Protein backbone atom coordinates (compact mmCIF):
# COMPACT_ATOMS: atom_id res chain seq x y z
CA MET A 1 -75.47 -19.36 -32.28
CA LYS A 2 -75.11 -20.60 -28.71
CA ASN A 3 -72.37 -18.05 -27.97
CA ALA A 4 -74.55 -15.19 -29.20
CA ASN A 5 -77.31 -16.37 -26.86
CA ASN A 6 -74.92 -16.50 -23.91
CA SER A 7 -73.57 -13.05 -24.73
CA SER A 8 -77.05 -11.59 -24.83
CA THR A 9 -77.85 -13.07 -21.41
CA GLU A 10 -74.56 -11.83 -19.96
CA LEU A 11 -75.16 -8.31 -21.29
CA LYS A 12 -78.62 -8.23 -19.73
CA MET A 13 -77.23 -9.44 -16.43
CA LYS A 14 -74.40 -6.90 -16.34
CA GLY A 15 -76.31 -3.92 -17.71
CA ASN A 16 -79.83 -4.22 -16.43
CA TRP A 17 -79.59 -6.70 -13.57
CA ASN A 18 -81.79 -4.69 -11.17
CA GLU A 19 -84.58 -4.59 -13.74
CA VAL A 20 -84.09 -8.25 -14.70
CA LYS A 21 -83.95 -9.25 -11.03
CA GLY A 22 -87.36 -7.69 -10.41
CA LYS A 23 -88.89 -9.67 -13.27
CA VAL A 24 -87.20 -12.87 -12.09
CA LYS A 25 -88.63 -12.33 -8.59
CA GLN A 26 -92.11 -11.78 -10.04
CA HIS A 27 -91.84 -14.97 -12.11
CA TRP A 28 -90.31 -17.11 -9.35
CA ALA A 29 -91.67 -15.59 -6.15
CA ASN A 30 -89.76 -17.94 -3.86
CA LEU A 31 -86.41 -16.35 -4.81
CA THR A 32 -84.91 -13.85 -2.36
CA ASP A 33 -82.57 -10.90 -2.89
CA ASP A 34 -79.76 -13.11 -1.52
CA ASP A 35 -80.59 -15.77 -4.12
CA LEU A 36 -80.38 -13.14 -6.85
CA LEU A 37 -77.17 -11.42 -5.74
CA TYR A 38 -75.21 -10.74 -8.92
CA GLU A 39 -71.42 -10.56 -8.76
CA GLU A 40 -69.45 -10.25 -11.97
CA GLY A 41 -67.49 -13.43 -12.58
CA LYS A 42 -69.79 -15.50 -10.35
CA GLU A 43 -72.68 -15.98 -12.76
CA ASP A 44 -72.54 -19.78 -12.37
CA GLU A 45 -73.17 -19.43 -8.62
CA LEU A 46 -76.17 -17.20 -9.36
CA TYR A 47 -77.57 -19.74 -11.83
CA GLY A 48 -76.98 -22.49 -9.26
CA ARG A 49 -79.00 -20.66 -6.63
CA ILE A 50 -81.84 -20.05 -9.08
CA GLN A 51 -81.72 -23.69 -10.25
CA LYS A 52 -81.87 -24.99 -6.70
CA LYS A 53 -85.01 -23.01 -5.87
CA THR A 54 -86.84 -23.34 -9.21
CA GLY A 55 -85.84 -26.79 -10.45
CA LYS A 56 -85.10 -25.27 -13.87
CA THR A 57 -81.94 -25.96 -15.85
CA LYS A 58 -79.32 -23.29 -16.47
CA GLU A 59 -80.32 -23.22 -20.15
CA GLU A 60 -84.02 -22.79 -19.27
CA ILE A 61 -83.15 -19.86 -16.98
CA LYS A 62 -80.90 -18.22 -19.60
CA SER A 63 -83.56 -18.68 -22.28
CA TRP A 64 -86.21 -17.10 -20.06
CA ILE A 65 -83.96 -14.12 -19.27
CA ASP A 66 -83.16 -13.68 -22.99
CA LYS A 67 -86.87 -13.35 -23.76
CA LEU A 68 -87.24 -10.35 -21.42
């Protein structure tokens, strides 16, 4: 089940990242465009930047994105 969850998050990030990014910025207003720069293969760096600014865990962030 965990792999399916990760796949869903990854698909959202790759396919709709601009839309997802807007919703993430609305939810966590202190994040900048630089914080939310998505590069394929560097998802862990993206999660790290979000974690640093929000104090949320990687799993909390992924779960929130999945619910969008």
